Amino acid sequence: MTQIFKTDYSQMTYNTFQVAQTGSVIEVTFDNGEVNVLSGLMIKELTKFLKEIAKEQSIRVIVFQMHIPINLTPFRQF
């Protein structure tokens, strides 16, 4: 069954998270600095995004996840 969406949400760009879409599933990956702080900008962008996808009846699942950067620098003891 082919689904037609009003918007390709994976093409939308944000400063504090990325969006991927596979069919009726949206993945939101938070990427707001090393500690993923919940900032005013993130809240503003996320609110705008959620209001936009709320209009789409075909979205069935939204997965929220956090990007965790891996620091490969060895720990140095003093």
C-alpha atoms as a PDB file:
ATOM      1  CA  MET A   1       0.000   0.000   0.000  1.00  0.00           C
ATOM      2  CA  THR A   2       1.471   3.356  -1.025  1.00  0.00           C
ATOM      3  CA  GLN A   3       1.119   6.163   1.478  1.00  0.00           C
ATOM      4  CA  ILE A   4       1.154   9.775   0.418  1.00  0.00           C
ATOM      5  CA  PHE A   5       2.433  12.283   2.960  1.00  0.00           C
ATOM      6  CA  LYS A   6       1.892  16.011   2.801  1.00  0.00           C
ATOM      7  CA  THR A   7       5.531  16.611   3.746  1.00  0.00           C
ATOM      8  CA  ASP A   8       8.767  14.633   3.645  1.00  0.00           C
ATOM      9  CA  TYR A   9       9.690  15.246   7.270  1.00  0.00           C
ATOM     10  CA  SER A  10      13.195  13.836   6.835  1.00  0.00           C
ATOM     11  CA  GLN A  11      13.975  16.842   4.597  1.00  0.00           C
ATOM     12  CA  MET A  12      13.226  19.353   7.354  1.00  0.00           C
ATOM     13  CA  THR A  13      16.306  20.785   9.067  1.00  0.00           C
ATOM     14  CA  TYR A  14      16.675  21.805  12.690  1.00  0.00           C
ATOM     15  CA  ASN A  15      19.613  22.998  14.783  1.00  0.00           C
ATOM     16  CA  THR A  16      19.041  20.744  17.803  1.00  0.00           C
ATOM     17  CA  PHE A  17      17.819  17.438  16.331  1.00  0.00           C
ATOM     18  CA  GLN A  18      17.625  15.436  13.127  1.00  0.00           C
ATOM     19  CA  VAL A  19      14.560  13.773  11.648  1.00  0.00           C
ATOM     20  CA  ALA A  20      14.421  10.502   9.719  1.00  0.00           C
ATOM     21  CA  GLN A  21      11.278   9.034   8.220  1.00  0.00           C
ATOM     22  CA  THR A  22      10.545   5.492   7.098  1.00  0.00           C
ATOM     23  CA  GLY A  23       6.962   5.132   5.968  1.00  0.00           C
ATOM     24  CA  SER A  24       4.699   6.033   8.869  1.00  0.00           C
ATOM     25  CA  VAL A  25       7.548   6.046  11.419  1.00  0.00           C
ATOM     26  CA  ILE A  26       9.399   9.233  12.386  1.00  0.00           C
ATOM     27  CA  GLU A  27      12.723   9.106  14.262  1.00  0.00           C
ATOM     28  CA  VAL A  28      13.815  12.240  16.106  1.00  0.00           C
ATOM     29  CA  THR A  29      17.463  12.192  17.203  1.00  0.00           C
ATOM     30  CA  PHE A  30      18.410  14.925  19.661  1.00  0.00           C
ATOM     31  CA  ASP A  31      21.843  16.368  18.929  1.00  0.00           C
ATOM     32  CA  ASN A  32      22.264  19.537  20.943  1.00  0.00           C
ATOM     33  CA  GLY A  33      25.891  19.605  21.987  1.00  0.00           C
ATOM     34  CA  GLU A  34      27.870  17.102  23.990  1.00  0.00           C
ATOM     35  CA  VAL A  35      25.341  16.842  26.815  1.00  0.00           C
ATOM     36  CA  ASN A  36      22.133  17.378  24.789  1.00  0.00           C
ATOM     37  CA  VAL A  37      20.898  20.179  27.006  1.00  0.00           C
ATOM     38  CA  LEU A  38      17.204  20.973  26.725  1.00  0.00           C
ATOM     39  CA  SER A  39      17.509  24.571  25.566  1.00  0.00           C
ATOM     40  CA  GLY A  40      14.971  27.221  24.669  1.00  0.00           C
ATOM     41  CA  LEU A  41      15.843  26.731  20.999  1.00  0.00           C
ATOM     42  CA  MET A  42      15.294  22.971  21.240  1.00  0.00           C
ATOM     43  CA  ILE A  43      11.889  23.460  22.879  1.00  0.00           C
ATOM     44  CA  LYS A  44      10.902  25.994  20.217  1.00  0.00           C
ATOM     45  CA  GLU A  45      12.016  23.739  17.342  1.00  0.00           C
ATOM     46  CA  LEU A  46      10.458  20.619  18.833  1.00  0.00           C
ATOM     47  CA  THR A  47       7.146  22.399  19.475  1.00  0.00           C
ATOM     48  CA  LYS A  48       7.041  23.643  15.874  1.00  0.00           C
ATOM     49  CA  PHE A  49       7.907  20.170  14.547  1.00  0.00           C
ATOM     50  CA  LEU A  50       5.287  18.380  16.677  1.00  0.00           C
ATOM     51  CA  LYS A  51       2.576  20.849  15.660  1.00  0.00           C
ATOM     52  CA  GLU A  52       3.463  20.228  12.008  1.00  0.00           C
ATOM     53  CA  ILE A  53       3.370  16.420  12.188  1.00  0.00           C
ATOM     54  CA  ALA A  54       0.167  16.483  14.248  1.00  0.00           C
ATOM     55  CA  LYS A  55      -1.572  17.488  10.995  1.00  0.00           C
ATOM     56  CA  GLU A  56      -0.415  14.264   9.320  1.00  0.00           C
ATOM     57  CA  GLN A  57      -2.872  11.408   9.871  1.00  0.00           C
ATOM     58  CA  SER A  58      -0.513   8.804   8.386  1.00  0.00           C
ATOM     59  CA  ILE A  59       2.244   9.109  11.020  1.00  0.00           C
ATOM     60  CA  ARG A  60       1.796   6.194  13.437  1.00  0.00           C
ATOM     61  CA  VAL A  61       4.977   6.183  15.538  1.00  0.00           C
ATOM     62  CA  ILE A  62       7.455   8.810  16.721  1.00  0.00           C
ATOM     63  CA  VAL A  63      10.708   7.477  18.174  1.00  0.00           C
ATOM     64  CA  PHE A  64      12.759   9.870  20.298  1.00  0.00           C
ATOM     65  CA  GLN A  65      16.413   9.077  20.799  1.00  0.00           C
ATOM     66  CA  MET A  66      19.601  10.842  21.790  1.00  0.00           C
ATOM     67  CA  HIS A  67      22.774  11.128  19.751  1.00  0.00           C
ATOM     68  CA  ILE A  68      25.633  10.196  22.048  1.00  0.00           C
ATOM     69  CA  PRO A  69      29.002  11.334  20.716  1.00  0.00           C
ATOM     70  CA  ILE A  70      31.806   8.883  21.355  1.00  0.00           C
ATOM     71  CA  ASN A  71      34.989  10.413  22.681  1.00  0.00           C
ATOM     72  CA  LEU A  72      37.856   8.174  21.604  1.00  0.00           C
ATOM     73  CA  THR A  73      40.460  10.233  23.456  1.00  0.00           C
ATOM     74  CA  PRO A  74      42.071   7.974  26.064  1.00  0.00           C
ATOM     75  CA  PHE A  75      41.515   8.919  29.688  1.00  0.00           C
ATOM     76  CA  ARG A  76      44.658  10.348  31.190  1.00  0.00           C
ATOM     77  CA  GLN A  77      45.266   9.857  34.885  1.00  0.00           C
ATOM     78  CA  PHE A  78      47.169  12.526  36.795  1.00  0.00           C
END
